[in-house]
PDB file of all heavy atoms in Angstrom:
ATOM      1  N   PRO A   1       0.806  -1.235   0.000  1.00  0.00           N
ATOM      2  CA  PRO A   1       0.000   0.000   0.000  1.00  0.00           C
ATOM      3  C   PRO A   1       0.833   1.276   0.000  1.00  0.00           C
ATOM      4  O   PRO A   1       0.475   2.259  -0.640  1.00  0.00           O
ATOM      5  CB  PRO A   1      -0.831  -0.128   1.287  1.00  0.00           C
ATOM      6  CG  PRO A   1      -0.912  -1.599   1.533  1.00  0.00           C
ATOM      7  CD  PRO A   1       0.389  -2.167   1.058  1.00  0.00           C
ATOM      8  N   ALA A   2       1.963   1.254   0.704  1.00  0.00           N
ATOM      9  CA  ALA A   2       2.800   2.457   0.778  1.00  0.00           C
ATOM     10  C   ALA A   2       3.358   2.837  -0.583  1.00  0.00           C
ATOM     11  O   ALA A   2       3.632   4.017  -0.852  1.00  0.00           O
ATOM     12  CB  ALA A   2       3.937   2.233   1.768  1.00  0.00           C
ATOM     13  N   ILE A   3       3.529   1.839  -1.464  1.00  0.00           N
ATOM     14  CA  ILE A   3       4.033   2.094  -2.816  1.00  0.00           C
ATOM     15  C   ILE A   3       2.883   2.293  -3.794  1.00  0.00           C
ATOM     16  O   ILE A   3       2.965   3.116  -4.703  1.00  0.00           O
ATOM     17  CB  ILE A   3       4.950   0.939  -3.276  1.00  0.00           C
ATOM     18  CG1 ILE A   3       6.192   0.881  -2.387  1.00  0.00           C
ATOM     19  CG2 ILE A   3       5.354   1.099  -4.737  1.00  0.00           C
ATOM     20  CD1 ILE A   3       7.142  -0.248  -2.726  1.00  0.00           C
ATOM     21  N   ALA A   4       1.798   1.558  -3.592  1.00  0.00           N
ATOM     22  CA  ALA A   4       0.659   1.614  -4.509  1.00  0.00           C
ATOM     23  C   ALA A   4       0.035   3.004  -4.596  1.00  0.00           C
ATOM     24  O   ALA A   4      -0.576   3.358  -5.611  1.00  0.00           O
ATOM     25  CB  ALA A   4      -0.395   0.595  -4.091  1.00  0.00           C
ATOM     26  N   ARG A   5       0.174   3.792  -3.547  1.00  0.00           N
ATOM     27  CA  ARG A   5      -0.441   5.126  -3.557  1.00  0.00           C
ATOM     28  C   ARG A   5       0.390   6.168  -4.299  1.00  0.00           C
ATOM     29  O   ARG A   5      -0.043   7.324  -4.449  1.00  0.00           O
ATOM     30  CB  ARG A   5      -0.691   5.592  -2.133  1.00  0.00           C
ATOM     31  CG  ARG A   5       0.579   5.923  -1.344  1.00  0.00           C
ATOM     32  CD  ARG A   5       0.241   6.660  -0.062  1.00  0.00           C
ATOM     33  NE  ARG A   5       1.427   7.029   0.679  1.00  0.00           N
ATOM     34  CZ  ARG A   5       1.932   6.338   1.679  1.00  0.00           C
ATOM     35  NH1 ARG A   5       1.341   5.217   2.062  1.00  0.00           N
ATOM     36  NH2 ARG A   5       3.023   6.745   2.309  1.00  0.00           N
ATOM     37  N   LEU A   6       1.566   5.783  -4.765  1.00  0.00           N
ATOM     38  CA  LEU A   6       2.427   6.742  -5.457  1.00  0.00           C
ATOM     39  C   LEU A   6       1.819   7.181  -6.781  1.00  0.00           C
ATOM     40  O   LEU A   6       1.042   6.458  -7.406  1.00  0.00           O
ATOM     41  CB  LEU A   6       3.803   6.118  -5.714  1.00  0.00           C
ATOM     42  CG  LEU A   6       4.612   5.685  -4.496  1.00  0.00           C
ATOM     43  CD1 LEU A   6       5.890   4.987  -4.942  1.00  0.00           C
ATOM     44  CD2 LEU A   6       4.935   6.874  -3.596  1.00  0.00           C
ATOM     45  N   LYS A   7       2.209   8.359  -7.228  1.00  0.00           N
ATOM     46  CA  LYS A   7       1.799   8.839  -8.547  1.00  0.00           C
ATOM     47  C   LYS A   7       3.028   9.002  -9.421  1.00  0.00           C
ATOM     48  O   LYS A   7       4.148   9.147  -8.922  1.00  0.00           O
ATOM     49  CB  LYS A   7       1.041  10.153  -8.443  1.00  0.00           C
ATOM     50  CG  LYS A   7       1.868  11.311  -7.889  1.00  0.00           C
ATOM     51  CD  LYS A   7       1.049  12.598  -7.863  1.00  0.00           C
ATOM     52  CE  LYS A   7       1.889  13.773  -7.314  1.00  0.00           C
ATOM     53  NZ  LYS A   7       1.120  15.041  -7.313  1.00  0.00           N
ATOM     54  N   THR A   8       2.826   8.960 -10.729  1.00  0.00           N
ATOM     55  CA  THR A   8       3.920   9.095 -11.698  1.00  0.00           C
ATOM     56  C   THR A   8       3.736  10.373 -12.500  1.00  0.00           C
ATOM     57  O   THR A   8       2.637  10.675 -12.975  1.00  0.00           O
ATOM     58  CB  THR A   8       3.945   7.889 -12.658  1.00  0.00           C
ATOM     59  OG1 THR A   8       4.094   6.691 -11.894  1.00  0.00           O
ATOM     60  CG2 THR A   8       5.103   8.003 -13.635  1.00  0.00           C
ATOM     61  N   VAL A   9       4.820  11.127 -12.645  1.00  0.00           N
ATOM     62  CA  VAL A   9       4.803  12.381 -13.405  1.00  0.00           C
ATOM     63  C   VAL A   9       5.889  12.320 -14.471  1.00  0.00           C
ATOM     64  O   VAL A   9       7.033  11.958 -14.170  1.00  0.00           O
ATOM     65  CB  VAL A   9       5.038  13.598 -12.484  1.00  0.00           C
ATOM     66  CG1 VAL A   9       5.187  14.868 -13.298  1.00  0.00           C
ATOM     67  CG2 VAL A   9       3.905  13.741 -11.484  1.00  0.00           C
ATOM     68  N   VAL A  10       5.529  12.668 -15.704  1.00  0.00           N
ATOM     69  CA  VAL A  10       6.501  12.746 -16.794  1.00  0.00           C
ATOM     70  C   VAL A  10       6.738  14.214 -17.119  1.00  0.00           C
ATOM     71  O   VAL A  10       5.796  14.951 -17.410  1.00  0.00           O
ATOM     72  CB  VAL A  10       6.013  12.002 -18.056  1.00  0.00           C
ATOM     73  CG1 VAL A  10       7.036  12.140 -19.184  1.00  0.00           C
ATOM     74  CG2 VAL A  10       5.773  10.525 -17.742  1.00  0.00           C
ATOM     75  N   ILE A  11       7.991  14.630 -17.062  1.00  0.00           N
ATOM     76  CA  ILE A  11       8.340  16.013 -17.372  1.00  0.00           C
ATOM     77  C   ILE A  11       9.190  16.034 -18.637  1.00  0.00           C
ATOM     78  O   ILE A  11      10.204  15.337 -18.729  1.00  0.00           O
ATOM     79  CB  ILE A  11       9.124  16.654 -16.204  1.00  0.00           C
ATOM     80  CG1 ILE A  11       8.264  16.683 -14.941  1.00  0.00           C
ATOM     81  CG2 ILE A  11       9.587  18.061 -16.576  1.00  0.00           C
ATOM     82  CD1 ILE A  11       8.993  17.221 -13.716  1.00  0.00           C
ATOM     83  N   ASN A  12       8.760  16.811 -19.618  1.00  0.00           N
ATOM     84  CA  ASN A  12       9.524  16.930 -20.861  1.00  0.00           C
ATOM     85  C   ASN A  12       9.334  18.319 -21.460  1.00  0.00           C
ATOM     86  O   ASN A  12       8.602  19.159 -20.905  1.00  0.00           O
ATOM     87  CB  ASN A  12       9.119  15.837 -21.861  1.00  0.00           C
ATOM     88  CG  ASN A  12       7.621  15.801 -22.102  1.00  0.00           C
ATOM     89  OD1 ASN A  12       6.936  16.822 -21.995  1.00  0.00           O
ATOM     90  ND2 ASN A  12       7.096  14.625 -22.431  1.00  0.00           N
ATOM     91  N   ASP A  13       9.988  18.563 -22.584  1.00  0.00           N
ATOM     92  CA  ASP A  13       9.906  19.877 -23.229  1.00  0.00           C
ATOM     93  C   ASP A  13       8.471  20.232 -23.594  1.00  0.00           C
ATOM     94  O   ASP A  13       8.035  21.377 -23.444  1.00  0.00           O
ATOM     95  CB  ASP A  13      10.777  19.897 -24.491  1.00  0.00           C
ATOM     96  CG  ASP A  13      12.268  19.901 -24.168  1.00  0.00           C
ATOM     97  OD1 ASP A  13      12.616  20.125 -22.987  1.00  0.00           O
ATOM     98  OD2 ASP A  13      13.078  19.666 -25.088  1.00  0.00           O
ATOM     99  N   GLU A  14       7.734  19.230 -24.088  1.00  0.00           N
ATOM    100  CA  GLU A  14       6.350  19.478 -24.527  1.00  0.00           C
ATOM    101  C   GLU A  14       5.467  19.906 -23.355  1.00  0.00           C
ATOM    102  O   GLU A  14       4.662  20.835 -23.474  1.00  0.00           O
ATOM    103  CB  GLU A  14       5.781  18.222 -25.189  1.00  0.00           C
ATOM    104  CG  GLU A  14       6.357  17.884 -26.560  1.00  0.00           C
ATOM    105  CD  GLU A  14       7.787  17.382 -26.498  1.00  0.00           C
ATOM    106  OE1 GLU A  14       8.209  16.861 -25.426  1.00  0.00           O
ATOM    107  OE2 GLU A  14       8.514  17.513 -27.503  1.00  0.00           O
ATOM    108  N   SER A  15       5.615  19.243 -22.222  1.00  0.00           N
ATOM    109  CA  SER A  15       4.780  19.576 -21.059  1.00  0.00           C
ATOM    110  C   SER A  15       5.102  20.962 -20.516  1.00  0.00           C
ATOM    111  O   SER A  15       4.273  21.582 -19.846  1.00  0.00           O
ATOM    112  CB  SER A  15       4.961  18.524 -19.964  1.00  0.00           C
ATOM    113  OG  SER A  15       6.267  18.585 -19.414  1.00  0.00           O
ATOM    114  N   LEU A  16       6.313  21.453 -20.820  1.00  0.00           N
ATOM    115  CA  LEU A  16       6.735  22.766 -20.334  1.00  0.00           C
ATOM    116  C   LEU A  16       6.608  23.848 -21.403  1.00  0.00           C
ATOM    117  O   LEU A  16       6.960  25.000 -21.166  1.00  0.00           O
ATOM    118  CB  LEU A  16       8.189  22.694 -19.857  1.00  0.00           C
ATOM    119  CG  LEU A  16       8.460  21.724 -18.701  1.00  0.00           C
ATOM    120  CD1 LEU A  16       9.950  21.635 -18.420  1.00  0.00           C
ATOM    121  CD2 LEU A  16       7.714  22.150 -17.447  1.00  0.00           C
ATOM    122  N   GLY A  17       6.121  23.470 -22.580  1.00  0.00           N
ATOM    123  CA  GLY A  17       5.946  24.439 -23.664  1.00  0.00           C
ATOM    124  C   GLY A  17       7.252  24.902 -24.285  1.00  0.00           C
ATOM    125  O   GLY A  17       7.325  26.010 -24.835  1.00  0.00           O
ATOM    126  N   LEU A  18       8.279  24.042 -24.229  1.00  0.00           N
ATOM    127  CA  LEU A  18       9.584  24.404 -24.807  1.00  0.00           C
ATOM    128  C   LEU A  18       9.683  23.895 -26.241  1.00  0.00           C
ATOM    129  O   LEU A  18       9.445  22.719 -26.506  1.00  0.00           O
ATOM    130  CB  LEU A  18      10.716  23.805 -23.967  1.00  0.00           C
ATOM    131  CG  LEU A  18      10.794  24.270 -22.506  1.00  0.00           C
ATOM    132  CD1 LEU A  18      11.861  23.494 -21.757  1.00  0.00           C
ATOM    133  CD2 LEU A  18      11.069  25.768 -22.440  1.00  0.00           C
ATOM    134  N   ASP A  19      10.041  24.773 -27.141  1.00  0.00           N
ATOM    135  CA  ASP A  19      10.160  24.408 -28.549  1.00  0.00           C
ATOM    136  C   ASP A  19      11.534  23.817 -28.838  1.00  0.00           C
ATOM    137  O   ASP A  19      12.518  24.148 -28.177  1.00  0.00           O
ATOM    138  CB  ASP A  19       9.939  25.658 -29.417  1.00  0.00           C
ATOM    139  CG  ASP A  19       9.732  25.309 -30.878  1.00  0.00           C
ATOM    140  OD1 ASP A  19       8.591  24.993 -31.251  1.00  0.00           O
ATOM    141  OD2 ASP A  19      10.720  25.339 -31.635  1.00  0.00           O
ATOM    142  N   LYS A  20      11.609  22.944 -29.856  1.00  0.00           N
ATOM    143  CA  LYS A  20      12.886  22.335 -30.221  1.00  0.00           C
ATOM    144  C   LYS A  20      13.901  23.388 -30.679  1.00  0.00           C
ATOM    145  O   LYS A  20      15.109  23.173 -30.575  1.00  0.00           O
ATOM    146  CB  LYS A  20      12.691  21.313 -31.337  1.00  0.00           C
ATOM    147  CG  LYS A  20      11.765  20.151 -30.977  1.00  0.00           C
ATOM    148  CD  LYS A  20      12.274  19.373 -29.778  1.00  0.00           C
ATOM    149  CE  LYS A  20      11.373  18.181 -29.477  1.00  0.00           C
ATOM    150  NZ  LYS A  20      11.750  17.497 -28.216  1.00  0.00           N
ATOM    151  N   SER A  21      13.405  24.526 -31.143  1.00  0.00           N
ATOM    152  CA  SER A  21      14.313  25.592 -31.583  1.00  0.00           C
ATOM    153  C   SER A  21      15.095  26.185 -30.414  1.00  0.00           C
ATOM    154  O   SER A  21      16.069  26.907 -30.620  1.00  0.00           O
ATOM    155  CB  SER A  21      13.530  26.695 -32.294  1.00  0.00           C
ATOM    156  OG  SER A  21      12.576  27.295 -31.415  1.00  0.00           O
ATOM    157  N   SER A  22      14.674  25.848 -29.185  1.00  0.00           N
ATOM    158  CA  SER A  22      15.399  26.345 -28.013  1.00  0.00           C
ATOM    159  C   SER A  22      16.836  25.832 -27.989  1.00  0.00           C
ATOM    160  O   SER A  22      17.708  26.416 -27.331  1.00  0.00           O
ATOM    161  CB  SER A  22      14.695  25.897 -26.727  1.00  0.00           C
ATOM    162  OG  SER A  22      13.383  26.402 -26.656  1.00  0.00           O
ATOM    163  N   TYR A  23      17.094  24.727 -28.715  1.00  0.00           N
ATOM    164  CA  TYR A  23      18.425  24.124 -28.721  1.00  0.00           C
ATOM    165  C   TYR A  23      19.267  24.568 -29.917  1.00  0.00           C
ATOM    166  O   TYR A  23      20.364  24.055 -30.120  1.00  0.00           O
ATOM    167  CB  TYR A  23      18.298  22.600 -28.706  1.00  0.00           C
ATOM    168  CG  TYR A  23      17.585  22.089 -27.470  1.00  0.00           C
ATOM    169  CD1 TYR A  23      16.216  21.847 -27.476  1.00  0.00           C
ATOM    170  CD2 TYR A  23      18.276  21.887 -26.278  1.00  0.00           C
ATOM    171  CE1 TYR A  23      15.560  21.403 -26.333  1.00  0.00           C
ATOM    172  CE2 TYR A  23      17.627  21.439 -25.137  1.00  0.00           C
ATOM    173  CZ  TYR A  23      16.265  21.198 -25.174  1.00  0.00           C
ATOM    174  OH  TYR A  23      15.630  20.765 -24.044  1.00  0.00           O
ATOM    175  N   ASP A  24      18.743  25.536 -30.674  1.00  0.00           N
ATOM    176  CA  ASP A  24      19.487  25.992 -31.852  1.00  0.00           C
ATOM    177  C   ASP A  24      20.703  26.838 -31.485  1.00  0.00           C
ATOM    178  O   ASP A  24      21.650  26.933 -32.257  1.00  0.00           O
ATOM    179  CB  ASP A  24      18.565  26.796 -32.786  1.00  0.00           C
ATOM    180  CG  ASP A  24      17.523  25.907 -33.471  1.00  0.00           C
ATOM    181  OD1 ASP A  24      17.683  24.676 -33.432  1.00  0.00           O
ATOM    182  OD2 ASP A  24      16.556  26.459 -34.034  1.00  0.00           O
ATOM    183  N   ASP A  25      20.663  27.489 -30.322  1.00  0.00           N
ATOM    184  CA  ASP A  25      21.821  28.260 -29.887  1.00  0.00           C
ATOM    185  C   ASP A  25      21.877  28.258 -28.368  1.00  0.00           C
ATOM    186  O   ASP A  25      20.877  28.031 -27.687  1.00  0.00           O
ATOM    187  CB  ASP A  25      21.784  29.693 -30.426  1.00  0.00           C
ATOM    188  CG  ASP A  25      20.616  30.492 -29.868  1.00  0.00           C
ATOM    189  OD1 ASP A  25      20.729  30.980 -28.741  1.00  0.00           O
ATOM    190  OD2 ASP A  25      19.589  30.606 -30.569  1.00  0.00           O
ATOM    191  N   SER A  26      23.070  28.482 -27.828  1.00  0.00           N
ATOM    192  CA  SER A  26      23.296  28.368 -26.392  1.00  0.00           C
ATOM    193  C   SER A  26      22.517  29.388 -25.578  1.00  0.00           C
ATOM    194  O   SER A  26      22.112  29.123 -24.449  1.00  0.00           O
ATOM    195  CB  SER A  26      24.791  28.505 -26.085  1.00  0.00           C
ATOM    196  OG  SER A  26      25.284  29.751 -26.550  1.00  0.00           O
ATOM    197  N   ARG A  27      22.281  30.564 -26.146  1.00  0.00           N
ATOM    198  CA  ARG A  27      21.555  31.595 -25.405  1.00  0.00           C
ATOM    199  C   ARG A  27      20.128  31.172 -25.106  1.00  0.00           C
ATOM    200  O   ARG A  27      19.581  31.482 -24.048  1.00  0.00           O
ATOM    201  CB  ARG A  27      21.558  32.915 -26.182  1.00  0.00           C
ATOM    202  CG  ARG A  27      22.891  33.635 -26.187  1.00  0.00           C
ATOM    203  CD  ARG A  27      22.847  34.861 -27.055  1.00  0.00           C
ATOM    204  NE  ARG A  27      22.549  34.536 -28.446  1.00  0.00           N
ATOM    205  CZ  ARG A  27      22.400  35.426 -29.414  1.00  0.00           C
ATOM    206  NH1 ARG A  27      22.512  36.722 -29.139  1.00  0.00           N
ATOM    207  NH2 ARG A  27      22.146  35.056 -30.648  1.00  0.00           N
ATOM    208  N   ALA A  28      19.506  30.456 -26.028  1.00  0.00           N
ATOM    209  CA  ALA A  28      18.138  29.982 -25.817  1.00  0.00           C
ATOM    210  C   ALA A  28      18.118  28.663 -25.044  1.00  0.00           C
ATOM    211  O   ALA A  28      17.164  28.376 -24.320  1.00  0.00           O
ATOM    212  CB  ALA A  28      17.429  29.800 -27.163  1.00  0.00           C
ATOM    213  N   GLU A  29      19.186  27.872 -25.201  1.00  0.00           N
ATOM    214  CA  GLU A  29      19.210  26.550 -24.558  1.00  0.00           C
ATOM    215  C   GLU A  29      19.343  26.645 -23.045  1.00  0.00           C
ATOM    216  O   GLU A  29      18.699  25.877 -22.314  1.00  0.00           O
ATOM    217  CB  GLU A  29      20.366  25.724 -25.120  1.00  0.00           C
ATOM    218  CG  GLU A  29      20.439  24.325 -24.528  1.00  0.00           C
ATOM    219  CD  GLU A  29      21.627  23.535 -25.052  1.00  0.00           C
ATOM    220  OE1 GLU A  29      22.228  23.943 -26.063  1.00  0.00           O
ATOM    221  OE2 GLU A  29      21.951  22.510 -24.423  1.00  0.00           O
ATOM    222  N   LYS A  30      20.149  27.572 -22.563  1.00  0.00           N
ATOM    223  CA  LYS A  30      20.377  27.660 -21.113  1.00  0.00           C
ATOM    224  C   LYS A  30      19.090  27.907 -20.332  1.00  0.00           C
ATOM    225  O   LYS A  30      18.816  27.198 -19.349  1.00  0.00           O
ATOM    226  CB  LYS A  30      21.417  28.748 -20.819  1.00  0.00           C
ATOM    227  CG  LYS A  30      22.840  28.335 -21.186  1.00  0.00           C
ATOM    228  CD  LYS A  30      23.839  29.412 -20.836  1.00  0.00           C
ATOM    229  CE  LYS A  30      25.261  28.980 -21.202  1.00  0.00           C
ATOM    230  NZ  LYS A  30      26.255  30.042 -20.898  1.00  0.00           N
ATOM    231  N   PRO A  31      18.255  28.890 -20.725  1.00  0.00           N
ATOM    232  CA  PRO A  31      17.000  29.070 -19.979  1.00  0.00           C
ATOM    233  C   PRO A  31      16.046  27.889 -20.148  1.00  0.00           C
ATOM    234  O   PRO A  31      15.268  27.587 -19.246  1.00  0.00           O
ATOM    235  CB  PRO A  31      16.411  30.355 -20.574  1.00  0.00           C
ATOM    236  CG  PRO A  31      17.122  30.576 -21.860  1.00  0.00           C
ATOM    237  CD  PRO A  31      18.472  29.979 -21.705  1.00  0.00           C
ATOM    238  N   ALA A  32      16.125  27.196 -21.292  1.00  0.00           N
ATOM    239  CA  ALA A  32      15.268  26.027 -21.496  1.00  0.00           C
ATOM    240  C   ALA A  32      15.650  24.920 -20.515  1.00  0.00           C
ATOM    241  O   ALA A  32      14.784  24.293 -19.890  1.00  0.00           O
ATOM    242  CB  ALA A  32      15.393  25.526 -22.933  1.00  0.00           C
ATOM    243  N   ARG A  33      16.952  24.689 -20.371  1.00  0.00           N
ATOM    244  CA  ARG A  33      17.404  23.659 -19.419  1.00  0.00           C
ATOM    245  C   ARG A  33      17.106  24.075 -17.985  1.00  0.00           C
ATOM    246  O   ARG A  33      16.800  23.243 -17.136  1.00  0.00           O
ATOM    247  CB  ARG A  33      18.900  23.387 -19.604  1.00  0.00           C
ATOM    248  CG  ARG A  33      19.200  22.561 -20.845  1.00  0.00           C
ATOM    249  CD  ARG A  33      20.609  21.989 -20.838  1.00  0.00           C
ATOM    250  NE  ARG A  33      21.611  22.965 -21.239  1.00  0.00           N
ATOM    251  CZ  ARG A  33      22.510  23.505 -20.433  1.00  0.00           C
ATOM    252  NH1 ARG A  33      22.524  23.155 -19.157  1.00  0.00           N
ATOM    253  NH2 ARG A  33      23.384  24.376 -20.875  1.00  0.00           N
ATOM    254  N   ALA A  34      17.180  25.373 -17.706  1.00  0.00           N
ATOM    255  CA  ALA A  34      16.865  25.869 -16.365  1.00  0.00           C
ATOM    256  C   ALA A  34      15.387  25.653 -16.048  1.00  0.00           C
ATOM    257  O   ALA A  34      15.027  25.307 -14.913  1.00  0.00           O
ATOM    258  CB  ALA A  34      17.218  27.352 -16.259  1.00  0.00           C
ATOM    259  N   THR A  35      14.538  25.854 -17.053  1.00  0.00           N
ATOM    260  CA  THR A  35      13.098  25.623 -16.877  1.00  0.00           C
ATOM    261  C   THR A  35      12.816  24.164 -16.571  1.00  0.00           C
ATOM    262  O   THR A  35      12.015  23.837 -15.690  1.00  0.00           O
ATOM    263  CB  THR A  35      12.334  26.044 -18.146  1.00  0.00           C
ATOM    264  OG1 THR A  35      12.534  27.446 -18.384  1.00  0.00           O
ATOM    265  CG2 THR A  35      10.838  25.772 -18.006  1.00  0.00           C
ATOM    266  N   LEU A  36      13.488  23.270 -17.303  1.00  0.00           N
ATOM    267  CA  LEU A  36      13.331  21.838 -17.066  1.00  0.00           C
ATOM    268  C   LEU A  36      13.778  21.473 -15.650  1.00  0.00           C
ATOM    269  O   LEU A  36      13.073  20.759 -14.922  1.00  0.00           O
ATOM    270  CB  LEU A  36      14.140  21.044 -18.091  1.00  0.00           C
ATOM    271  CG  LEU A  36      14.119  19.511 -17.937  1.00  0.00           C
ATOM    272  CD1 LEU A  36      12.771  18.956 -18.382  1.00  0.00           C
ATOM    273  CD2 LEU A  36      15.246  18.871 -18.761  1.00  0.00           C
ATOM    274  N   PHE A  37      14.940  21.966 -15.250  1.00  0.00           N
ATOM    275  CA  PHE A  37      15.468  21.642 -13.929  1.00  0.00           C
ATOM    276  C   PHE A  37      14.536  22.146 -12.828  1.00  0.00           C
ATOM    277  O   PHE A  37      14.270  21.440 -11.850  1.00  0.00           O
ATOM    278  CB  PHE A  37      16.859  22.252 -13.757  1.00  0.00           C
ATOM    279  CG  PHE A  37      17.457  22.036 -12.399  1.00  0.00           C
ATOM    280  CD1 PHE A  37      17.829  20.773 -11.980  1.00  0.00           C
ATOM    281  CD2 PHE A  37      17.641  23.110 -11.531  1.00  0.00           C
ATOM    282  CE1 PHE A  37      18.380  20.563 -10.717  1.00  0.00           C
ATOM    283  CE2 PHE A  37      18.190  22.912 -10.271  1.00  0.00           C
ATOM    284  CZ  PHE A  37      18.557  21.638  -9.868  1.00  0.00           C
ATOM    285  N   SER A  38      14.022  23.346 -12.983  1.00  0.00           N
ATOM    286  CA  SER A  38      13.114  23.903 -11.974  1.00  0.00           C
ATOM    287  C   SER A  38      11.855  23.058 -11.842  1.00  0.00           C
ATOM    288  O   SER A  38      11.359  22.834 -10.727  1.00  0.00           O
ATOM    289  CB  SER A  38      12.731  25.349 -12.346  1.00  0.00           C
ATOM    290  OG  SER A  38      13.866  26.192 -12.347  1.00  0.00           O
ATOM    291  N   ALA A  39      11.334  22.577 -12.980  1.00  0.00           N
ATOM    292  CA  ALA A  39      10.140  21.735 -12.951  1.00  0.00           C
ATOM    293  C   ALA A  39      10.414  20.415 -12.235  1.00  0.00           C
ATOM    294  O   ALA A  39       9.577  19.911 -11.489  1.00  0.00           O
ATOM    295  CB  ALA A  39       9.654  21.474 -14.375  1.00  0.00           C
ATOM    296  N   VAL A  40      11.600  19.864 -12.459  1.00  0.00           N
ATOM    297  CA  VAL A  40      11.980  18.607 -11.793  1.00  0.00           C
ATOM    298  C   VAL A  40      12.064  18.823 -10.290  1.00  0.00           C
ATOM    299  O   VAL A  40      11.534  18.024  -9.504  1.00  0.00           O
ATOM    300  CB  VAL A  40      13.328  18.087 -12.335  1.00  0.00           C
ATOM    301  CG1 VAL A  40      13.829  16.913 -11.490  1.00  0.00           C
ATOM    302  CG2 VAL A  40      13.187  17.663 -13.788  1.00  0.00           C
ATOM    303  N   VAL A  41      12.703  19.897  -9.864  1.00  0.00           N
ATOM    304  CA  VAL A  41      12.846  20.190  -8.438  1.00  0.00           C
ATOM    305  C   VAL A  41      11.473  20.345  -7.778  1.00  0.00           C
ATOM    306  O   VAL A  41      11.236  19.844  -6.672  1.00  0.00           O
ATOM    307  CB  VAL A  41      13.699  21.454  -8.220  1.00  0.00           C
ATOM    308  CG1 VAL A  41      13.687  21.874  -6.755  1.00  0.00           C
ATOM    309  CG2 VAL A  41      15.131  21.209  -8.678  1.00  0.00           C
ATOM    310  N   ARG A  42      10.544  21.020  -8.457  1.00  0.00           N
ATOM    311  CA  ARG A  42       9.207  21.221  -7.898  1.00  0.00           C
ATOM    312  C   ARG A  42       8.458  19.900  -7.748  1.00  0.00           C
ATOM    313  O   ARG A  42       7.669  19.720  -6.815  1.00  0.00           O
ATOM    314  CB  ARG A  42       8.399  22.173  -8.776  1.00  0.00           C
ATOM    315  CG  ARG A  42       8.849  23.625  -8.712  1.00  0.00           C
ATOM    316  CD  ARG A  42       7.807  24.546  -9.319  1.00  0.00           C
ATOM    317  NE  ARG A  42       7.532  24.221 -10.705  1.00  0.00           N
ATOM    318  CZ  ARG A  42       8.170  24.741 -11.742  1.00  0.00           C
ATOM    319  NH1 ARG A  42       9.151  25.624 -11.522  1.00  0.00           N
ATOM    320  NH2 ARG A  42       7.866  24.414 -12.983  1.00  0.00           N
ATOM    321  N   ALA A  43       8.704  18.973  -8.667  1.00  0.00           N
ATOM    322  CA  ALA A  43       7.958  17.712  -8.662  1.00  0.00           C
ATOM    323  C   ALA A  43       8.510  16.685  -7.685  1.00  0.00           C
ATOM    324  O   ALA A  43       7.797  15.754  -7.285  1.00  0.00           O
ATOM    325  CB  ALA A  43       7.932  17.122 -10.074  1.00  0.00           C
ATOM    326  N   LEU A  44       9.772  16.823  -7.295  1.00  0.00           N
ATOM    327  CA  LEU A  44      10.394  15.816  -6.428  1.00  0.00           C
ATOM    328  C   LEU A  44       9.788  15.821  -5.032  1.00  0.00           C
ATOM    329  O   LEU A  44       9.766  16.847  -4.354  1.00  0.00           O
ATOM    330  CB  LEU A  44      11.898  16.074  -6.335  1.00  0.00           C
ATOM    331  CG  LEU A  44      12.750  15.709  -7.550  1.00  0.00           C
ATOM    332  CD1 LEU A  44      14.186  16.153  -7.336  1.00  0.00           C
ATOM    333  CD2 LEU A  44      12.705  14.208  -7.818  1.00  0.00           C
ATOM    334  N   ASN A  45       9.293  14.670  -4.628  1.00  0.00           N
ATOM    335  CA  ASN A  45       8.827  14.467  -3.256  1.00  0.00           C
ATOM    336  C   ASN A  45       8.690  12.972  -3.006  1.00  0.00           C
ATOM    337  O   ASN A  45       8.853  12.167  -3.928  1.00  0.00           O
ATOM    338  CB  ASN A  45       7.497  15.192  -2.999  1.00  0.00           C
ATOM    339  CG  ASN A  45       6.382  14.700  -3.910  1.00  0.00           C
ATOM    340  OD1 ASN A  45       5.913  13.569  -3.769  1.00  0.00           O
ATOM    341  ND2 ASN A  45       5.960  15.542  -4.857  1.00  0.00           N
TER     342      ASN A  45
END
């Protein structure tokens, strides 16, 4: 039961509204990766 009550969350670029063009140059990529990392930190529990 302690495990069965867990929930699963998938975090990716699409769920965060990040476009693939964010990786075309480093200036756009850094904030995109920061957004991903922040979302992961918020979800961890």
